[in-house]
Amino acid sequence: MVAGYTQTPRTLDRLGLLLAHHGAHTNARIRQALTATGLPLRHAVALMHLSEGPMGQQALIETLAVDPSVLVSILNDLERDGLAVRRRDPADRRRHIVEVTPLGCTTMAEVDLAFSVVESEIFAGLDSDDLAALRRILDRMKEGTDAAPCTAAD
């Protein structure tokens, strides 16, 4: 036994490890479901935020917690595919406003369906009280994290 180390009853039952395992499984399932939409996960998440209404590009960077160069790449792809448009803000020409196109709204419905299918499968064993408790716990957890912005390597 190492000095200062107290072994838990089952080291492999560590909550962090279980959360990472389930997170990796969920991530893989979502990415697989999104293949039907043709969108990578990051693009789908950006589209989800934009579907709430037009956003300034800087606000989107902060919301997604990504490096500006990563967001530019995502937006270039979304614009190329006709899913979003960037426009100069008439009140401040240095600022870009990003919004979803009609095709982007249609694609967003497909993204939403993909997420719904995966979530209904993953959470099938949980009732509404369980889901509400899980959401509360996850919301409390994220308050304690200080994640660095994603980079192109992520």
Protein backbone atom coordinates (compact mmCIF):
# COMPACT_ATOMS: atom_id res chain seq x y z
CA MET A 1 0.00 0.00 0.00
CA VAL A 2 1.26 3.46 -0.91
CA ALA A 3 1.52 5.92 1.98
CA GLY A 4 -1.35 8.41 1.97
CA TYR A 5 -3.40 6.36 -0.51
CA THR A 6 -6.71 4.94 0.58
CA GLN A 7 -8.12 2.39 -1.80
CA THR A 8 -11.81 2.70 -2.60
CA PRO A 9 -13.83 -0.52 -2.45
CA ARG A 10 -13.77 -0.89 -6.25
CA THR A 11 -11.30 1.33 -8.07
CA LEU A 12 -13.00 0.62 -11.40
CA ASP A 13 -16.31 1.96 -10.01
CA ARG A 14 -14.90 5.47 -9.71
CA LEU A 15 -17.53 8.02 -10.73
CA GLY A 16 -15.14 9.90 -12.99
CA LEU A 17 -14.31 6.72 -14.88
CA LEU A 18 -17.98 5.74 -15.17
CA LEU A 19 -18.89 9.24 -16.38
CA ALA A 20 -16.06 9.17 -18.95
CA HIS A 21 -17.16 5.73 -20.18
CA HIS A 22 -20.80 6.74 -20.55
CA GLY A 23 -19.77 10.07 -22.09
CA ALA A 24 -17.61 8.36 -24.70
CA HIS A 25 -20.42 5.93 -25.50
CA THR A 26 -22.96 8.75 -25.79
CA ASN A 27 -20.59 10.82 -27.91
CA ALA A 28 -20.06 7.92 -30.32
CA ARG A 29 -23.80 7.26 -30.58
CA ILE A 30 -24.57 10.93 -31.27
CA ARG A 31 -21.82 11.20 -33.89
CA GLN A 32 -23.14 8.06 -35.58
CA ALA A 33 -26.72 9.38 -35.57
CA LEU A 34 -25.55 12.71 -37.01
CA THR A 35 -24.05 11.00 -40.08
CA ALA A 36 -27.57 11.03 -41.57
CA THR A 37 -27.49 14.85 -41.43
CA GLY A 38 -24.02 15.12 -42.94
CA LEU A 39 -22.89 17.33 -40.07
CA PRO A 40 -20.01 16.77 -37.66
CA LEU A 41 -20.96 17.22 -33.99
CA ARG A 42 -19.43 20.71 -33.67
CA HIS A 43 -21.35 21.94 -36.70
CA ALA A 44 -24.58 20.47 -35.36
CA VAL A 45 -24.08 22.15 -31.99
CA ALA A 46 -23.36 25.50 -33.66
CA LEU A 47 -26.51 25.10 -35.75
CA MET A 48 -28.49 24.26 -32.60
CA HIS A 49 -27.42 27.53 -30.98
CA LEU A 50 -28.09 29.52 -34.14
CA SER A 51 -31.56 28.01 -34.44
CA GLU A 52 -32.47 29.93 -31.27
CA GLY A 53 -32.05 33.15 -33.26
CA PRO A 54 -29.36 35.28 -34.93
CA MET A 55 -26.18 35.69 -32.89
CA GLY A 56 -23.12 37.82 -33.10
CA GLN A 57 -20.05 35.84 -34.12
CA GLN A 58 -18.25 36.79 -30.90
CA ALA A 59 -21.22 35.65 -28.79
CA LEU A 60 -21.18 32.34 -30.65
CA ILE A 61 -17.45 31.93 -29.92
CA GLU A 62 -18.17 32.45 -26.22
CA THR A 63 -21.24 30.19 -26.21
CA LEU A 64 -19.42 27.33 -27.92
CA ALA A 65 -16.18 27.98 -25.99
CA VAL A 66 -14.09 27.55 -29.13
CA ASP A 67 -11.11 29.35 -30.54
CA PRO A 68 -12.13 32.02 -33.09
CA SER A 69 -10.29 30.16 -35.87
CA VAL A 70 -12.32 27.02 -35.12
CA LEU A 71 -15.58 28.96 -35.34
CA VAL A 72 -14.55 30.54 -38.64
CA SER A 73 -13.94 27.06 -40.04
CA ILE A 74 -17.33 25.82 -38.79
CA LEU A 75 -19.13 28.87 -40.18
CA ASN A 76 -17.34 28.57 -43.51
CA ASP A 77 -18.64 25.00 -43.79
CA LEU A 78 -22.17 25.94 -42.70
CA GLU A 79 -22.24 28.81 -45.22
CA ARG A 80 -20.81 26.64 -48.00
CA ASP A 81 -23.59 24.11 -47.39
CA GLY A 82 -26.26 26.84 -47.33
CA LEU A 83 -27.16 26.24 -43.68
CA ALA A 84 -26.15 29.63 -42.22
CA VAL A 85 -25.22 33.12 -43.36
CA ARG A 86 -22.99 35.80 -41.90
CA ARG A 87 -23.91 39.43 -42.35
CA ARG A 88 -22.32 42.64 -41.20
CA ASP A 89 -24.19 44.24 -38.33
CA PRO A 90 -25.66 47.47 -39.75
CA ALA A 91 -25.11 49.15 -36.37
CA ASP A 92 -21.44 48.11 -36.20
CA ARG A 93 -19.81 47.09 -39.49
CA ARG A 94 -16.94 45.39 -37.61
CA ARG A 95 -19.38 42.86 -36.14
CA HIS A 96 -20.85 39.82 -37.92
CA ILE A 97 -24.33 38.48 -37.25
CA VAL A 98 -24.85 34.78 -37.98
CA GLU A 99 -28.23 33.23 -38.68
CA VAL A 100 -29.74 30.00 -39.92
CA THR A 101 -31.11 29.77 -43.45
CA PRO A 102 -34.36 27.96 -44.33
CA LEU A 103 -32.25 24.94 -45.36
CA GLY A 104 -30.47 25.22 -42.00
CA CYS A 105 -33.86 25.06 -40.23
CA THR A 106 -34.73 21.89 -42.15
CA THR A 107 -31.35 20.39 -41.28
CA MET A 108 -31.81 21.46 -37.66
CA ALA A 109 -35.02 19.41 -37.52
CA GLU A 110 -32.97 16.39 -38.68
CA VAL A 111 -30.32 17.13 -36.04
CA ASP A 112 -32.98 17.40 -33.37
CA LEU A 113 -34.47 14.06 -34.44
CA ALA A 114 -31.02 12.41 -34.35
CA PHE A 115 -30.45 13.65 -30.80
CA SER A 116 -33.95 12.61 -29.72
CA VAL A 117 -33.48 9.07 -30.99
CA VAL A 118 -30.14 8.65 -29.22
CA GLU A 119 -31.42 10.20 -26.00
CA SER A 120 -34.55 8.02 -25.96
CA GLU A 121 -32.34 4.93 -26.27
CA ILE A 122 -29.69 6.01 -23.76
CA PHE A 123 -32.15 7.25 -21.15
CA ALA A 124 -34.80 4.55 -21.67
CA GLY A 125 -34.27 3.19 -18.16
CA LEU A 126 -34.81 6.57 -16.49
CA ASP A 127 -38.13 8.15 -15.59
CA SER A 128 -38.86 11.89 -15.68
CA ASP A 129 -37.77 12.34 -12.05
CA ASP A 130 -34.47 10.58 -12.78
CA LEU A 131 -33.88 12.76 -15.83
CA ALA A 132 -34.64 15.94 -13.87
CA ALA A 133 -32.24 14.84 -11.12
CA LEU A 134 -29.54 14.00 -13.67
CA ARG A 135 -29.93 17.43 -15.30
CA ARG A 136 -29.66 19.16 -11.90
CA ILE A 137 -26.52 17.20 -11.02
CA LEU A 138 -24.89 17.87 -14.39
CA ASP A 139 -25.76 21.57 -14.16
CA ARG A 140 -24.14 21.74 -10.73
CA MET A 141 -21.07 19.90 -12.03
CA LYS A 142 -20.50 22.29 -14.91
CA GLU A 143 -20.56 25.23 -12.52
CA GLY A 144 -17.37 23.87 -10.97
CA THR A 145 -15.50 23.34 -14.22
CA ASP A 146 -13.30 25.83 -15.98
CA ALA A 147 -12.92 24.34 -19.44
CA ALA A 148 -10.44 25.92 -21.81
CA PRO A 149 -11.69 26.82 -25.29
CA CYS A 150 -11.50 24.07 -27.87
CA THR A 151 -8.82 24.32 -30.52
CA ALA A 152 -8.55 22.98 -34.03
CA ALA A 153 -6.86 19.85 -32.63
CA ASP A 154 -9.95 18.89 -30.58
